[in-house]
């Protein structure tokens, strides 16, 4: 099991719908996330800065790739991705940036 942290930003004018859809996620999306081996997935917000924590069985890129192939995720992405800014940090070129783990207390 790998623990993963990620960060990204949401367009400030779309923060309310972005938050609302995540507070009321689609049950079939939750099922698809679990089926690709992602567990304990949480998203936190500080203004328009998002931080996610998740645990994944195996390779995170492979799990996210499998999730991206599902019909439910494709529908989710059409609705949600336009609300996400194109870069995680100003002057960067990565939209969803994985964060290095520096502390863990089991």
N, C-alpha and C. Protein backbone atom coordinates (compact mmCIF):
# COMPACT_ATOMS: atom_id res chain seq x y z
N UNK A 1 0.84 -1.17 0.00
CA UNK A 1 0.00 0.00 0.00
C UNK A 1 0.89 1.24 0.00
N UNK A 2 0.58 2.17 -0.88
CA UNK A 2 1.32 3.42 -0.96
C UNK A 2 0.41 4.56 -0.51
N UNK A 3 0.95 5.46 0.30
CA UNK A 3 0.24 6.67 0.72
C UNK A 3 0.63 7.80 -0.22
N UNK A 4 -0.36 8.54 -0.70
CA UNK A 4 -0.11 9.58 -1.70
C UNK A 4 -0.79 10.88 -1.28
N UNK A 5 -0.07 11.97 -1.41
CA UNK A 5 -0.63 13.31 -1.22
C UNK A 5 -0.55 14.05 -2.54
N UNK A 6 -1.59 14.80 -2.86
CA UNK A 6 -1.61 15.58 -4.11
C UNK A 6 -2.22 16.95 -3.83
N UNK A 7 -1.88 17.91 -4.68
CA UNK A 7 -2.45 19.24 -4.57
C UNK A 7 -2.80 19.78 -5.96
N UNK A 8 -3.78 20.65 -6.01
CA UNK A 8 -4.20 21.34 -7.23
C UNK A 8 -5.02 22.55 -6.80
N UNK A 9 -5.39 23.36 -7.79
CA UNK A 9 -6.18 24.56 -7.50
C UNK A 9 -7.44 24.56 -8.34
N UNK A 10 -8.48 25.17 -7.80
CA UNK A 10 -9.77 25.30 -8.47
C UNK A 10 -9.98 26.79 -8.80
N UNK A 11 -10.59 27.06 -9.97
CA UNK A 11 -10.95 28.44 -10.29
C UNK A 11 -11.80 28.98 -9.15
N UNK A 12 -11.43 30.12 -8.55
CA UNK A 12 -12.20 30.65 -7.42
C UNK A 12 -13.69 30.81 -7.71
N UNK A 13 -14.05 31.17 -8.94
CA UNK A 13 -15.46 31.37 -9.26
C UNK A 13 -16.23 30.05 -9.35
N UNK A 14 -15.52 28.92 -9.38
CA UNK A 14 -16.17 27.61 -9.44
C UNK A 14 -16.02 26.81 -8.14
N UNK A 15 -15.54 27.46 -7.10
CA UNK A 15 -15.29 26.76 -5.84
C UNK A 15 -16.56 26.17 -5.24
N UNK A 16 -17.68 26.90 -5.30
CA UNK A 16 -18.92 26.40 -4.71
C UNK A 16 -19.43 25.12 -5.40
N UNK A 17 -19.56 25.09 -6.72
CA UNK A 17 -20.02 23.85 -7.34
C UNK A 17 -19.00 22.71 -7.19
N UNK A 18 -17.72 23.05 -7.20
CA UNK A 18 -16.68 22.03 -7.02
C UNK A 18 -16.82 21.39 -5.64
N UNK A 19 -17.00 22.22 -4.64
CA UNK A 19 -17.18 21.72 -3.27
C UNK A 19 -18.46 20.91 -3.15
N UNK A 20 -19.55 21.43 -3.69
CA UNK A 20 -20.84 20.74 -3.59
C UNK A 20 -20.81 19.34 -4.21
N UNK A 21 -20.21 19.20 -5.39
CA UNK A 21 -20.22 17.88 -6.04
C UNK A 21 -19.35 16.89 -5.25
N UNK A 22 -18.31 17.40 -4.59
CA UNK A 22 -17.47 16.50 -3.78
C UNK A 22 -18.12 16.16 -2.45
N UNK A 23 -18.97 17.03 -1.94
CA UNK A 23 -19.71 16.71 -0.72
C UNK A 23 -20.84 15.72 -1.00
N UNK A 24 -21.20 15.58 -2.27
CA UNK A 24 -22.27 14.68 -2.68
C UNK A 24 -21.79 13.83 -3.86
N UNK A 25 -20.76 13.01 -3.65
CA UNK A 25 -20.19 12.25 -4.77
C UNK A 25 -21.15 11.18 -5.28
N UNK A 26 -20.98 10.84 -6.55
CA UNK A 26 -21.81 9.83 -7.17
C UNK A 26 -21.43 8.46 -6.61
N UNK A 27 -22.39 7.68 -6.16
CA UNK A 27 -22.09 6.34 -5.61
C UNK A 27 -21.31 5.45 -6.58
N UNK A 28 -21.63 5.52 -7.88
CA UNK A 28 -20.90 4.67 -8.83
C UNK A 28 -19.46 5.13 -9.02
N UNK A 29 -19.16 6.42 -8.77
CA UNK A 29 -17.78 6.89 -8.81
C UNK A 29 -17.02 6.35 -7.60
N UNK A 30 -17.64 6.40 -6.42
CA UNK A 30 -17.00 5.85 -5.22
C UNK A 30 -16.67 4.37 -5.41
N UNK A 31 -17.60 3.65 -6.01
CA UNK A 31 -17.38 2.23 -6.26
C UNK A 31 -16.20 2.03 -7.23
N UNK A 32 -16.15 2.82 -8.29
CA UNK A 32 -15.06 2.70 -9.27
C UNK A 32 -13.71 3.01 -8.64
N UNK A 33 -13.65 4.02 -7.77
CA UNK A 33 -12.41 4.37 -7.07
C UNK A 33 -11.92 3.18 -6.27
N UNK A 34 -12.80 2.56 -5.52
CA UNK A 34 -12.42 1.41 -4.69
C UNK A 34 -12.02 0.21 -5.54
N UNK A 35 -12.70 0.01 -6.67
CA UNK A 35 -12.41 -1.15 -7.52
C UNK A 35 -11.03 -1.09 -8.16
N UNK A 36 -10.46 0.11 -8.35
CA UNK A 36 -9.12 0.21 -8.92
C UNK A 36 -8.04 0.17 -7.85
N UNK A 37 -8.44 -0.01 -6.58
CA UNK A 37 -7.47 -0.17 -5.50
C UNK A 37 -7.12 1.09 -4.74
N UNK A 38 -7.96 2.12 -4.84
CA UNK A 38 -7.75 3.36 -4.09
C UNK A 38 -8.64 3.32 -2.86
N UNK A 39 -8.04 3.64 -1.70
CA UNK A 39 -8.75 3.60 -0.43
C UNK A 39 -8.42 4.84 0.41
N UNK A 40 -9.26 5.10 1.40
CA UNK A 40 -9.02 6.21 2.33
C UNK A 40 -8.70 7.51 1.59
N UNK A 41 -9.50 7.79 0.57
CA UNK A 41 -9.31 8.96 -0.28
C UNK A 41 -10.07 10.12 0.32
N UNK A 42 -9.34 11.18 0.67
CA UNK A 42 -9.93 12.38 1.25
C UNK A 42 -9.41 13.59 0.50
N UNK A 43 -10.26 14.61 0.37
CA UNK A 43 -9.84 15.88 -0.21
C UNK A 43 -10.15 16.98 0.81
N UNK A 44 -9.17 17.86 0.99
CA UNK A 44 -9.30 18.99 1.90
C UNK A 44 -9.12 20.27 1.10
N UNK A 45 -9.76 21.36 1.55
CA UNK A 45 -9.67 22.64 0.84
C UNK A 45 -9.19 23.74 1.77
N UNK A 46 -8.34 24.60 1.22
CA UNK A 46 -7.94 25.84 1.88
C UNK A 46 -8.14 26.92 0.82
N UNK A 47 -9.28 27.59 0.87
CA UNK A 47 -9.64 28.50 -0.23
C UNK A 47 -9.80 27.68 -1.48
N UNK A 48 -9.09 28.06 -2.54
CA UNK A 48 -9.19 27.30 -3.78
C UNK A 48 -8.05 26.30 -3.95
N UNK A 49 -7.23 26.12 -2.92
CA UNK A 49 -6.15 25.13 -2.92
C UNK A 49 -6.71 23.82 -2.39
N UNK A 50 -6.58 22.75 -3.15
CA UNK A 50 -7.05 21.44 -2.75
C UNK A 50 -5.86 20.57 -2.36
N UNK A 51 -6.07 19.72 -1.38
CA UNK A 51 -5.08 18.73 -0.98
C UNK A 51 -5.80 17.40 -0.84
N UNK A 52 -5.25 16.37 -1.43
CA UNK A 52 -5.84 15.03 -1.35
C UNK A 52 -4.86 14.08 -0.69
N UNK A 53 -5.42 13.17 0.07
CA UNK A 53 -4.68 12.05 0.64
C UNK A 53 -5.39 10.79 0.19
N UNK A 54 -4.62 9.81 -0.28
CA UNK A 54 -5.20 8.53 -0.65
C UNK A 54 -4.18 7.43 -0.43
N UNK A 55 -4.70 6.23 -0.31
CA UNK A 55 -3.86 5.05 -0.21
C UNK A 55 -4.21 4.17 -1.41
N UNK A 56 -3.19 3.58 -2.01
CA UNK A 56 -3.43 2.79 -3.22
C UNK A 56 -2.68 1.47 -3.14
N UNK A 57 -3.36 0.43 -3.59
CA UNK A 57 -2.74 -0.89 -3.73
C UNK A 57 -1.95 -0.86 -5.03
N UNK A 58 -0.64 -0.98 -4.97
CA UNK A 58 0.16 -0.98 -6.19
C UNK A 58 0.56 0.41 -6.62
N UNK A 59 0.66 0.60 -7.93
CA UNK A 59 1.15 1.83 -8.53
C UNK A 59 0.03 2.86 -8.66
N UNK A 60 0.25 4.07 -8.17
CA UNK A 60 -0.79 5.10 -8.20
C UNK A 60 -1.12 5.50 -9.64
N UNK A 61 -0.12 5.60 -10.50
CA UNK A 61 -0.37 5.95 -11.89
C UNK A 61 -1.23 4.92 -12.60
N UNK A 62 -0.96 3.65 -12.30
CA UNK A 62 -1.75 2.58 -12.90
C UNK A 62 -3.19 2.62 -12.40
N UNK A 63 -3.36 2.82 -11.10
CA UNK A 63 -4.72 2.87 -10.53
C UNK A 63 -5.50 4.05 -11.10
N UNK A 64 -4.86 5.23 -11.18
CA UNK A 64 -5.54 6.40 -11.72
C UNK A 64 -5.83 6.21 -13.22
N UNK A 65 -4.93 5.53 -13.92
CA UNK A 65 -5.16 5.23 -15.33
C UNK A 65 -6.37 4.34 -15.54
N UNK A 66 -6.49 3.30 -14.70
CA UNK A 66 -7.65 2.41 -14.77
C UNK A 66 -8.93 3.18 -14.45
N UNK A 67 -8.87 4.04 -13.44
CA UNK A 67 -10.04 4.84 -13.08
C UNK A 67 -10.43 5.74 -14.25
N UNK A 68 -9.44 6.35 -14.90
CA UNK A 68 -9.71 7.24 -16.02
C UNK A 68 -10.37 6.56 -17.20
N UNK A 69 -10.26 5.25 -17.28
CA UNK A 69 -10.88 4.49 -18.37
C UNK A 69 -12.35 4.15 -18.10
N UNK A 70 -12.82 4.37 -16.89
CA UNK A 70 -14.21 4.02 -16.57
C UNK A 70 -15.17 5.07 -17.10
N UNK A 71 -16.36 4.62 -17.47
CA UNK A 71 -17.38 5.54 -17.97
C UNK A 71 -17.78 6.58 -16.93
N UNK A 72 -17.90 6.16 -15.68
CA UNK A 72 -18.33 7.09 -14.64
C UNK A 72 -17.28 8.18 -14.43
N UNK A 73 -16.00 7.83 -14.47
CA UNK A 73 -14.97 8.86 -14.31
C UNK A 73 -14.96 9.81 -15.50
N UNK A 74 -15.17 9.27 -16.70
CA UNK A 74 -15.21 10.13 -17.89
C UNK A 74 -16.34 11.16 -17.77
N UNK A 75 -17.50 10.73 -17.26
CA UNK A 75 -18.62 11.67 -17.05
C UNK A 75 -18.26 12.70 -15.98
N UNK A 76 -17.64 12.23 -14.89
CA UNK A 76 -17.21 13.11 -13.79
C UNK A 76 -16.23 14.16 -14.32
N UNK A 77 -15.25 13.72 -15.09
CA UNK A 77 -14.22 14.63 -15.61
C UNK A 77 -14.81 15.70 -16.51
N UNK A 78 -15.79 15.33 -17.33
CA UNK A 78 -16.44 16.32 -18.20
C UNK A 78 -17.07 17.42 -17.36
N UNK A 79 -17.66 17.06 -16.25
CA UNK A 79 -18.33 18.05 -15.40
C UNK A 79 -17.35 18.83 -14.53
N UNK A 80 -16.37 18.14 -13.93
CA UNK A 80 -15.53 18.75 -12.89
C UNK A 80 -14.24 19.38 -13.41
N UNK A 81 -13.58 18.77 -14.38
CA UNK A 81 -12.27 19.25 -14.82
C UNK A 81 -12.25 20.69 -15.31
N UNK A 82 -13.31 21.21 -15.94
CA UNK A 82 -13.26 22.62 -16.34
C UNK A 82 -13.14 23.59 -15.15
N UNK A 83 -13.46 23.14 -13.97
CA UNK A 83 -13.37 23.99 -12.77
C UNK A 83 -11.96 24.03 -12.19
N UNK A 84 -11.06 23.15 -12.65
CA UNK A 84 -9.71 23.04 -12.11
C UNK A 84 -8.77 23.92 -12.91
N UNK A 85 -7.92 24.68 -12.20
CA UNK A 85 -6.93 25.51 -12.88
C UNK A 85 -5.90 24.62 -13.58
N UNK A 86 -5.28 25.12 -14.65
CA UNK A 86 -4.37 24.28 -15.43
C UNK A 86 -3.03 23.98 -14.75
N UNK A 87 -2.69 24.74 -13.69
CA UNK A 87 -1.43 24.46 -12.99
C UNK A 87 -1.65 24.45 -11.48
N UNK A 88 -0.92 23.56 -10.81
CA UNK A 88 -1.02 23.45 -9.35
C UNK A 88 -0.35 24.63 -8.65
N UNK A 89 0.68 25.19 -9.29
CA UNK A 89 1.38 26.36 -8.76
C UNK A 89 1.63 27.34 -9.90
N UNK A 90 1.66 28.62 -9.59
CA UNK A 90 1.94 29.63 -10.62
C UNK A 90 3.31 29.35 -11.23
N UNK A 91 3.37 29.43 -12.55
CA UNK A 91 4.62 29.21 -13.26
C UNK A 91 4.98 27.74 -13.43
N UNK A 92 4.12 26.85 -12.94
CA UNK A 92 4.38 25.42 -13.08
C UNK A 92 3.75 24.86 -14.33
N UNK A 93 3.96 23.57 -14.55
CA UNK A 93 3.36 22.95 -15.72
C UNK A 93 2.62 21.67 -15.38
N UNK A 94 2.36 21.47 -14.08
CA UNK A 94 1.68 20.26 -13.63
C UNK A 94 0.34 20.66 -13.01
N UNK A 95 -0.74 20.00 -13.46
CA UNK A 95 -2.07 20.34 -12.96
C UNK A 95 -2.34 19.69 -11.61
N UNK A 96 -2.05 18.38 -11.50
CA UNK A 96 -2.24 17.65 -10.25
C UNK A 96 -0.85 17.20 -9.80
N UNK A 97 -0.33 17.82 -8.75
CA UNK A 97 1.05 17.62 -8.34
C UNK A 97 1.11 16.69 -7.12
N UNK A 98 1.87 15.59 -7.26
CA UNK A 98 2.07 14.69 -6.13
C UNK A 98 3.04 15.35 -5.16
N UNK A 99 2.74 15.22 -3.87
CA UNK A 99 3.53 15.85 -2.81
C UNK A 99 4.36 14.77 -2.11
N UNK A 100 5.61 15.10 -1.78
CA UNK A 100 6.47 14.15 -1.07
C UNK A 100 6.03 14.02 0.38
N UNK A 101 6.01 12.80 0.87
CA UNK A 101 5.69 12.53 2.26
C UNK A 101 6.93 12.77 3.12
N UNK A 102 6.77 13.55 4.20
CA UNK A 102 7.90 13.80 5.08
C UNK A 102 7.63 13.37 6.53
N UNK A 103 6.42 12.95 6.85
CA UNK A 103 6.11 12.52 8.21
C UNK A 103 4.97 11.54 8.17
N UNK A 104 5.06 10.51 9.00
CA UNK A 104 4.01 9.52 9.11
C UNK A 104 4.00 8.97 10.52
N UNK A 105 2.85 8.95 11.15
CA UNK A 105 2.69 8.37 12.49
C UNK A 105 1.58 7.34 12.41
N UNK A 106 1.92 6.06 12.37
CA UNK A 106 0.88 5.02 12.25
C UNK A 106 0.01 4.88 13.49
